[in-house]
Amino acid sequence: MNLSFTREEEAFREEVRDFLADHLTPDLRAYARRMTSVYATKEIAMAWQAILVKRGWAAPSWPVEYGGTDWTPAQRYIYDVEMARAGAPPLSPMGIGMCGPALIGHGSKAQKDYYLPRILSGEDFWCQGYSEPHAGSDLA
């Protein structure tokens, strides 16, 4: 089994590193270092998401037609590792990580056309809530 990266993958790593050096601001890095939760504040997450959207890298797991990247699994791994190494703050996981993929897999064309661009742009900020009849919000 060969676990080394190809030349193209190493070139991609350099592209990601260069992007981070140019766009991950000291303020964003400092915020990420001080985080006490797994979630960044809405303001920080949206600021970083806007930067990634401009580059086309905010939703790498989405299909290209909805704003994704069409990266290989190795490229996704490299991207995630380099983001972590650089100290990038996390994006809000609900819209891009949960609701967007659910819409892509199960939504109507009208729902996809309406919501997916709004998730990427940050115009819509998603959350998830649970409740049970007669039991409040305790799922246990």
Protein backbone atom coordinates (compact mmCIF):
# COMPACT_ATOMS: atom_id res chain seq x y z
CA MET A 1 0.00 0.00 0.00
CA ASN A 2 1.38 3.39 -1.02
CA LEU A 3 0.47 6.09 1.50
CA SER A 4 2.44 8.92 -0.07
CA PHE A 5 0.85 11.80 -1.93
CA THR A 6 1.22 12.35 -5.66
CA ARG A 7 2.94 15.42 -7.11
CA GLU A 8 -0.47 16.84 -7.93
CA GLU A 9 -1.64 16.33 -4.36
CA GLU A 10 1.49 17.98 -2.97
CA ALA A 11 0.93 20.89 -5.37
CA PHE A 12 -2.61 21.13 -4.04
CA ARG A 13 -1.24 21.20 -0.48
CA GLU A 14 0.93 24.17 -1.45
CA GLU A 15 -2.07 25.88 -3.03
CA VAL A 16 -4.05 25.48 0.20
CA ARG A 17 -1.12 26.70 2.30
CA ASP A 18 -0.64 29.74 0.06
CA PHE A 19 -4.34 30.55 0.25
CA LEU A 20 -4.30 30.29 4.04
CA ALA A 21 -1.19 32.46 4.30
CA ASP A 22 -2.92 35.12 2.21
CA HIS A 23 -6.47 34.95 3.59
CA LEU A 24 -6.54 33.55 7.11
CA THR A 25 -6.19 36.78 9.03
CA PRO A 26 -4.41 37.07 12.38
CA ASP A 27 -7.75 37.97 13.98
CA LEU A 28 -9.39 34.77 12.70
CA ARG A 29 -6.43 32.68 13.88
CA ALA A 30 -6.44 34.36 17.29
CA TYR A 31 -10.15 33.77 17.68
CA ALA A 32 -9.75 30.08 16.81
CA ARG A 33 -6.96 29.72 19.40
CA ARG A 34 -9.18 31.21 22.11
CA MET A 35 -12.28 29.14 21.32
CA THR A 36 -13.79 27.30 24.26
CA SER A 37 -16.46 25.54 22.21
CA VAL A 38 -16.53 23.40 19.09
CA TYR A 39 -18.53 26.16 17.38
CA ALA A 40 -17.26 29.58 16.39
CA THR A 41 -19.50 32.59 16.90
CA LYS A 42 -21.81 33.38 14.02
CA GLU A 43 -19.79 36.49 13.14
CA ILE A 44 -16.48 34.64 12.97
CA ALA A 45 -17.91 31.62 11.16
CA MET A 46 -19.62 33.83 8.57
CA ALA A 47 -16.52 35.99 8.06
CA TRP A 48 -14.39 32.92 7.37
CA GLN A 49 -17.13 31.31 5.28
CA ALA A 50 -17.33 34.43 3.08
CA ILE A 51 -13.60 34.18 2.40
CA LEU A 52 -13.90 30.49 1.54
CA VAL A 53 -16.96 31.06 -0.67
CA LYS A 54 -15.01 33.57 -2.77
CA ARG A 55 -12.41 30.86 -3.38
CA GLY A 56 -15.04 28.17 -3.96
CA TRP A 57 -13.88 26.16 -0.95
CA ALA A 58 -16.68 26.62 1.60
CA ALA A 59 -18.53 23.38 0.84
CA PRO A 60 -15.98 20.87 -0.46
CA SER A 61 -18.28 17.89 0.04
CA TRP A 62 -21.09 19.36 -2.06
CA PRO A 63 -21.45 18.55 -5.76
CA VAL A 64 -19.89 21.14 -8.07
CA GLU A 65 -23.27 22.22 -9.44
CA TYR A 66 -24.22 23.43 -5.96
CA GLY A 67 -20.93 25.12 -5.11
CA GLY A 68 -18.77 22.15 -4.17
CA THR A 69 -15.24 21.39 -5.29
CA ASP A 70 -15.15 17.93 -6.91
CA TRP A 71 -12.03 17.16 -4.90
CA THR A 72 -10.69 13.67 -4.46
CA PRO A 73 -10.70 12.12 -0.98
CA ALA A 74 -6.97 12.86 -0.75
CA GLN A 75 -7.55 16.53 -1.56
CA ARG A 76 -10.31 16.74 1.05
CA TYR A 77 -7.94 15.22 3.60
CA ILE A 78 -5.15 17.63 2.68
CA TYR A 79 -7.54 20.58 2.90
CA ASP A 80 -8.81 19.53 6.33
CA VAL A 81 -5.29 18.93 7.66
CA GLU A 82 -3.97 22.24 6.38
CA MET A 83 -6.96 24.14 7.78
CA ALA A 84 -6.30 22.59 11.18
CA ARG A 85 -2.55 23.21 11.01
CA ALA A 86 -3.11 26.84 10.10
CA GLY A 87 -5.52 27.34 12.99
CA ALA A 88 -8.57 28.22 10.91
CA PRO A 89 -11.83 28.64 12.81
CA PRO A 90 -14.54 26.08 12.09
CA LEU A 91 -17.52 26.92 9.94
CA SER A 92 -20.98 26.52 11.36
CA PRO A 93 -21.74 22.84 10.72
CA MET A 94 -25.50 23.03 10.41
CA GLY A 95 -25.98 24.72 7.05
CA ILE A 96 -23.01 23.45 5.05
CA GLY A 97 -22.49 20.19 6.91
CA MET A 98 -26.01 18.99 7.70
CA CYS A 99 -28.88 20.88 6.10
CA GLY A 100 -27.20 21.46 2.74
CA PRO A 101 -26.37 17.79 2.19
CA ALA A 102 -29.90 16.80 3.28
CA LEU A 103 -31.35 19.21 0.72
CA ILE A 104 -28.95 17.99 -1.96
CA GLY A 105 -29.96 14.39 -1.33
CA HIS A 106 -33.66 14.80 -0.71
CA GLY A 107 -34.82 18.31 -1.59
CA SER A 108 -36.82 19.35 -4.61
CA LYS A 109 -35.15 21.36 -7.36
CA ALA A 110 -36.96 24.46 -6.12
CA GLN A 111 -35.69 23.90 -2.57
CA LYS A 112 -32.13 23.37 -3.77
CA ASP A 113 -32.24 26.43 -6.03
CA TYR A 114 -33.57 28.59 -3.22
CA TYR A 115 -31.75 27.39 -0.12
CA LEU A 116 -28.32 26.17 -1.20
CA PRO A 117 -27.04 29.54 -2.48
CA ARG A 118 -28.40 31.18 0.67
CA ILE A 119 -26.59 28.66 2.86
CA LEU A 120 -23.31 29.33 1.07
CA SER A 121 -23.70 33.10 1.14
CA GLY A 122 -24.64 33.09 4.81
CA GLU A 123 -27.92 34.83 4.02
CA ASP A 124 -29.61 31.93 5.79
CA PHE A 125 -28.03 30.67 9.00
CA TRP A 126 -29.24 27.23 9.97
CA CYS A 127 -29.63 25.48 13.27
CA GLN A 128 -31.13 22.25 14.48
CA GLY A 129 -33.60 21.75 17.27
CA TYR A 130 -35.28 18.74 18.81
CA SER A 131 -38.47 18.43 20.73
CA GLU A 132 -40.78 15.63 21.80
CA PRO A 133 -44.49 15.99 22.36
CA HIS A 134 -45.27 16.18 26.09
CA ALA A 135 -41.58 15.90 27.01
CA GLY A 136 -39.93 19.25 26.33
CA SER A 137 -36.61 19.10 24.54
CA ASP A 138 -35.09 16.11 26.31
CA LEU A 139 -34.43 13.32 23.81
CA ALA A 140 -33.22 10.83 26.39
